[in-house]
Structures are given as C-alpha cells and as structure tokens.
Amino acid sequence: MSDVLDETRTVLGQVLGIDPATILADSVLHELPNADSTAYLEAIVALEDHFDIELPDASIARFEVVGDLIAAIAAQTTPAAREGLAVEPLP
C-alpha cells in the first residue's frame, strides 16, 4: 500500500504543482493547494493513466481525503483485482 501512497502523492504533486511530501493520507483533497475542480479531474485522469485503472464515476465525487483515493486505487491494483477477482470498494 505504501507504493500506492507514494505514487499517488507523486502524481498529485505533479498535477497540482506542489511538493508530494506535503500530501498526506488524511489531506482533504479540495483543500490541497491549486486543487480546483479542473485540477482535481486532471489528477484523477493522471492517476487512472498511471495505474492503468478506471475509477468509477460515482466514487470520484465522494473522495474526501487522499486516503479515500488511495484505497480505491489499491483495490484495483492488488493481484486479485488485476485477475478480476476483487470487488469494487463500497460507496
């Protein structure tokens, strides 16, 4: 999970133009510097591309903290998820 955390922080930092070290799992997404709605959507697309996943549209609007986003990504990047055995995270 720490790889997902580190990679998520790196991608978010690149998209938002901020130091990834300032992004914590409990950071509120809409309170991150430069995180307007357009940047948020750009970050989601960048994360989907980076991890080769697709986050469900219904989940995207409900992410509140970086940890929510990390959990959703981790649920799709585990070995079981890559084999189609994992279920989607609960809403």
N, C-alpha and C. Protein backbone atom coordinates (compact mmCIF):
# COMPACT_ATOMS: atom_id res chain seq x y z
N MET A 1 0.83 -1.20 0.00
CA MET A 1 0.00 0.00 0.00
C MET A 1 0.87 1.25 0.00
N SER A 2 2.08 1.17 0.58
CA SER A 2 2.90 2.38 0.61
C SER A 2 3.36 2.77 -0.79
N ASP A 3 3.51 1.80 -1.71
CA ASP A 3 3.83 2.14 -3.09
C ASP A 3 2.71 2.95 -3.70
N VAL A 4 1.47 2.53 -3.45
CA VAL A 4 0.32 3.26 -3.97
C VAL A 4 0.28 4.66 -3.36
N LEU A 5 0.55 4.76 -2.07
CA LEU A 5 0.59 6.06 -1.41
C LEU A 5 1.65 6.95 -2.04
N ASP A 6 2.86 6.43 -2.16
CA ASP A 6 3.96 7.23 -2.71
C ASP A 6 3.69 7.64 -4.16
N GLU A 7 3.21 6.71 -4.96
CA GLU A 7 2.95 7.02 -6.37
C GLU A 7 1.79 8.00 -6.51
N THR A 8 0.77 7.85 -5.68
CA THR A 8 -0.37 8.77 -5.71
C THR A 8 0.09 10.17 -5.32
N ARG A 9 0.88 10.26 -4.28
CA ARG A 9 1.40 11.57 -3.85
C ARG A 9 2.24 12.21 -4.95
N THR A 10 3.05 11.42 -5.63
CA THR A 10 3.89 11.93 -6.71
C THR A 10 3.04 12.48 -7.86
N VAL A 11 2.04 11.70 -8.28
CA VAL A 11 1.17 12.14 -9.38
C VAL A 11 0.38 13.39 -8.97
N LEU A 12 -0.20 13.38 -7.78
CA LEU A 12 -0.93 14.56 -7.32
C LEU A 12 -0.02 15.78 -7.25
N GLY A 13 1.18 15.59 -6.75
CA GLY A 13 2.13 16.69 -6.67
C GLY A 13 2.47 17.27 -8.03
N GLN A 14 2.66 16.39 -9.02
CA GLN A 14 2.96 16.85 -10.37
C GLN A 14 1.80 17.63 -10.96
N VAL A 15 0.60 17.10 -10.83
CA VAL A 15 -0.58 17.76 -11.42
C VAL A 15 -0.86 19.09 -10.73
N LEU A 16 -0.74 19.11 -9.40
CA LEU A 16 -1.07 20.33 -8.65
C LEU A 16 0.11 21.29 -8.53
N GLY A 17 1.29 20.85 -8.92
CA GLY A 17 2.46 21.70 -8.83
C GLY A 17 2.90 21.97 -7.41
N ILE A 18 2.78 20.92 -6.56
CA ILE A 18 3.17 21.06 -5.16
C ILE A 18 4.12 19.93 -4.77
N ASP A 19 4.79 20.09 -3.65
CA ASP A 19 5.71 19.08 -3.15
C ASP A 19 4.91 17.86 -2.67
N PRO A 20 5.16 16.69 -3.26
CA PRO A 20 4.44 15.49 -2.83
C PRO A 20 4.57 15.19 -1.34
N ALA A 21 5.66 15.61 -0.73
CA ALA A 21 5.86 15.35 0.70
C ALA A 21 4.83 16.08 1.56
N THR A 22 4.19 17.10 1.01
CA THR A 22 3.17 17.83 1.77
C THR A 22 1.79 17.16 1.69
N ILE A 23 1.68 16.13 0.86
CA ILE A 23 0.40 15.44 0.67
C ILE A 23 0.37 14.22 1.58
N LEU A 24 -0.57 14.22 2.52
CA LEU A 24 -0.70 13.12 3.48
C LEU A 24 -1.98 12.34 3.19
N ALA A 25 -2.06 11.13 3.72
CA ALA A 25 -3.26 10.32 3.51
C ALA A 25 -4.51 11.00 4.05
N ASP A 26 -4.36 11.82 5.10
CA ASP A 26 -5.53 12.49 5.66
C ASP A 26 -5.71 13.92 5.14
N SER A 27 -4.95 14.29 4.10
CA SER A 27 -5.13 15.61 3.48
C SER A 27 -6.48 15.66 2.76
N VAL A 28 -7.22 16.71 3.00
CA VAL A 28 -8.52 16.89 2.34
C VAL A 28 -8.25 17.31 0.90
N LEU A 29 -8.80 16.55 -0.04
CA LEU A 29 -8.48 16.76 -1.44
C LEU A 29 -8.76 18.18 -1.92
N HIS A 30 -9.94 18.71 -1.62
CA HIS A 30 -10.28 20.04 -2.14
C HIS A 30 -9.56 21.17 -1.39
N GLU A 31 -8.82 20.84 -0.34
CA GLU A 31 -8.05 21.84 0.39
C GLU A 31 -6.56 21.84 0.00
N LEU A 32 -6.16 20.92 -0.87
CA LEU A 32 -4.77 20.92 -1.32
C LEU A 32 -4.52 22.17 -2.16
N PRO A 33 -3.32 22.73 -2.09
CA PRO A 33 -3.02 23.90 -2.90
C PRO A 33 -3.25 23.62 -4.39
N ASN A 34 -3.84 24.58 -5.07
CA ASN A 34 -4.11 24.51 -6.51
C ASN A 34 -5.16 23.47 -6.90
N ALA A 35 -5.89 22.93 -5.95
CA ALA A 35 -6.84 21.85 -6.24
C ALA A 35 -8.23 22.38 -6.54
N ASP A 36 -8.36 23.07 -7.67
CA ASP A 36 -9.70 23.46 -8.09
C ASP A 36 -10.34 22.26 -8.81
N SER A 37 -11.58 22.41 -9.26
CA SER A 37 -12.29 21.27 -9.84
C SER A 37 -11.61 20.75 -11.11
N THR A 38 -11.05 21.64 -11.90
CA THR A 38 -10.36 21.21 -13.12
C THR A 38 -9.10 20.42 -12.77
N ALA A 39 -8.32 20.91 -11.84
CA ALA A 39 -7.10 20.21 -11.43
C ALA A 39 -7.44 18.85 -10.81
N TYR A 40 -8.55 18.79 -10.07
CA TYR A 40 -8.97 17.53 -9.46
C TYR A 40 -9.26 16.49 -10.55
N LEU A 41 -9.99 16.90 -11.58
CA LEU A 41 -10.29 15.97 -12.67
C LEU A 41 -9.03 15.59 -13.43
N GLU A 42 -8.13 16.53 -13.63
CA GLU A 42 -6.85 16.22 -14.28
C GLU A 42 -6.07 15.21 -13.44
N ALA A 43 -6.11 15.37 -12.13
CA ALA A 43 -5.40 14.44 -11.24
C ALA A 43 -6.01 13.05 -11.32
N ILE A 44 -7.33 12.96 -11.36
CA ILE A 44 -7.99 11.66 -11.47
C ILE A 44 -7.58 10.96 -12.76
N VAL A 45 -7.61 11.69 -13.87
CA VAL A 45 -7.23 11.12 -15.17
C VAL A 45 -5.76 10.68 -15.14
N ALA A 46 -4.90 11.52 -14.57
CA ALA A 46 -3.48 11.17 -14.48
C ALA A 46 -3.27 9.92 -13.63
N LEU A 47 -4.01 9.80 -12.54
CA LEU A 47 -3.89 8.61 -11.69
C LEU A 47 -4.42 7.37 -12.41
N GLU A 48 -5.53 7.50 -13.11
CA GLU A 48 -6.07 6.37 -13.87
C GLU A 48 -5.05 5.92 -14.92
N ASP A 49 -4.44 6.87 -15.61
CA ASP A 49 -3.42 6.53 -16.61
C ASP A 49 -2.20 5.89 -15.95
N HIS A 50 -1.74 6.48 -14.87
CA HIS A 50 -0.54 5.98 -14.19
C HIS A 50 -0.72 4.54 -13.70
N PHE A 51 -1.86 4.26 -13.10
CA PHE A 51 -2.10 2.94 -12.53
C PHE A 51 -2.81 1.98 -13.50
N ASP A 52 -3.17 2.49 -14.69
CA ASP A 52 -3.89 1.70 -15.69
C ASP A 52 -5.19 1.11 -15.10
N ILE A 53 -5.98 2.00 -14.52
CA ILE A 53 -7.25 1.62 -13.91
C ILE A 53 -8.32 2.61 -14.37
N GLU A 54 -9.57 2.32 -14.01
CA GLU A 54 -10.65 3.28 -14.21
C GLU A 54 -11.43 3.38 -12.90
N LEU A 55 -11.41 4.56 -12.33
CA LEU A 55 -12.15 4.79 -11.09
C LEU A 55 -13.62 5.03 -11.43
N PRO A 56 -14.53 4.37 -10.73
CA PRO A 56 -15.96 4.56 -11.02
C PRO A 56 -16.37 6.02 -10.81
N ASP A 57 -17.12 6.57 -11.77
CA ASP A 57 -17.56 7.96 -11.70
C ASP A 57 -18.28 8.26 -10.38
N ALA A 58 -19.09 7.33 -9.92
CA ALA A 58 -19.84 7.55 -8.69
C ALA A 58 -18.92 7.70 -7.48
N SER A 59 -17.78 7.04 -7.51
CA SER A 59 -16.84 7.13 -6.39
C SER A 59 -16.05 8.42 -6.39
N ILE A 60 -15.73 8.91 -7.58
CA ILE A 60 -14.86 10.08 -7.70
C ILE A 60 -15.39 11.27 -6.93
N ALA A 61 -16.68 11.51 -7.00
CA ALA A 61 -17.27 12.66 -6.32
C ALA A 61 -17.29 12.49 -4.80
N ARG A 62 -17.16 11.26 -4.32
CA ARG A 62 -17.23 11.02 -2.88
C ARG A 62 -15.88 10.99 -2.18
N PHE A 63 -14.79 11.03 -2.92
CA PHE A 63 -13.48 11.05 -2.28
C PHE A 63 -13.32 12.34 -1.50
N GLU A 64 -13.03 12.24 -0.22
CA GLU A 64 -12.84 13.43 0.60
C GLU A 64 -11.38 13.67 0.94
N VAL A 65 -10.69 12.61 1.31
CA VAL A 65 -9.27 12.75 1.67
C VAL A 65 -8.44 11.89 0.73
N VAL A 66 -7.16 12.15 0.70
CA VAL A 66 -6.25 11.42 -0.18
C VAL A 66 -6.34 9.92 0.11
N GLY A 67 -6.53 9.55 1.36
CA GLY A 67 -6.64 8.15 1.73
C GLY A 67 -7.80 7.44 1.06
N ASP A 68 -8.92 8.14 0.82
CA ASP A 68 -10.05 7.55 0.10
C ASP A 68 -9.63 7.18 -1.32
N LEU A 69 -8.91 8.08 -1.94
CA LEU A 69 -8.42 7.88 -3.29
C LEU A 69 -7.43 6.71 -3.33
N ILE A 70 -6.54 6.67 -2.36
CA ILE A 70 -5.54 5.60 -2.29
C ILE A 70 -6.22 4.24 -2.11
N ALA A 71 -7.23 4.18 -1.26
CA ALA A 71 -7.95 2.92 -1.03
C ALA A 71 -8.61 2.42 -2.31
N ALA A 72 -9.21 3.34 -3.07
CA ALA A 72 -9.86 2.96 -4.32
C ALA A 72 -8.84 2.47 -5.35
N ILE A 73 -7.70 3.13 -5.40
CA ILE A 73 -6.64 2.71 -6.32
C ILE A 73 -6.09 1.36 -5.89
N ALA A 74 -5.80 1.20 -4.61
CA ALA A 74 -5.25 -0.06 -4.11
C ALA A 74 -6.20 -1.23 -4.36
N ALA A 75 -7.50 -0.97 -4.27
CA ALA A 75 -8.48 -2.03 -4.51
C ALA A 75 -8.43 -2.54 -5.94
N GLN A 76 -7.96 -1.69 -6.85
CA GLN A 76 -7.90 -2.09 -8.26
C GLN A 76 -6.51 -2.51 -8.71
N THR A 77 -5.52 -2.34 -7.86
CA THR A 77 -4.15 -2.66 -8.28
C THR A 77 -3.56 -3.84 -7.53
N THR A 78 -4.34 -4.48 -6.68
CA THR A 78 -3.87 -5.69 -6.00
C THR A 78 -3.81 -6.83 -7.01
N PRO A 79 -3.04 -7.87 -6.75
CA PRO A 79 -3.00 -9.00 -7.70
C PRO A 79 -4.38 -9.59 -7.97
N ALA A 80 -5.23 -9.70 -6.97
CA ALA A 80 -6.57 -10.25 -7.18
C ALA A 80 -7.39 -9.35 -8.10
N ALA A 81 -7.26 -8.05 -7.94
CA ALA A 81 -8.01 -7.12 -8.78
C ALA A 81 -7.55 -7.23 -10.23
N ARG A 82 -6.25 -7.38 -10.45
CA ARG A 82 -5.74 -7.50 -11.82
C ARG A 82 -6.25 -8.77 -12.48
N GLU A 83 -6.57 -9.78 -11.68
CA GLU A 83 -7.09 -11.03 -12.22
C GLU A 83 -8.61 -11.02 -12.30
N GLY A 84 -9.22 -9.90 -11.92
CA GLY A 84 -10.67 -9.78 -11.99
C GLY A 84 -11.38 -10.43 -10.84
N LEU A 85 -10.69 -10.69 -9.74
CA LEU A 85 -11.30 -11.38 -8.61
C LEU A 85 -11.78 -10.44 -7.51
N ALA A 86 -11.32 -9.20 -7.52
CA ALA A 86 -11.67 -8.27 -6.44
C ALA A 86 -12.98 -7.56 -6.77
N VAL A 87 -13.67 -7.17 -5.73
CA VAL A 87 -14.89 -6.39 -5.91
C VAL A 87 -14.55 -4.92 -5.77
N GLU A 88 -15.42 -4.06 -6.31
CA GLU A 88 -15.20 -2.63 -6.19
C GLU A 88 -15.37 -2.21 -4.74
N PRO A 89 -14.66 -1.14 -4.32
CA PRO A 89 -14.83 -0.64 -2.95
C PRO A 89 -16.27 -0.19 -2.72
N LEU A 90 -16.71 -0.33 -1.50
CA LEU A 90 -18.06 0.10 -1.16
C LEU A 90 -18.16 1.61 -1.27
N PRO A 91 -19.35 2.12 -1.62
CA PRO A 91 -19.52 3.58 -1.74
C PRO A 91 -19.37 4.30 -0.42
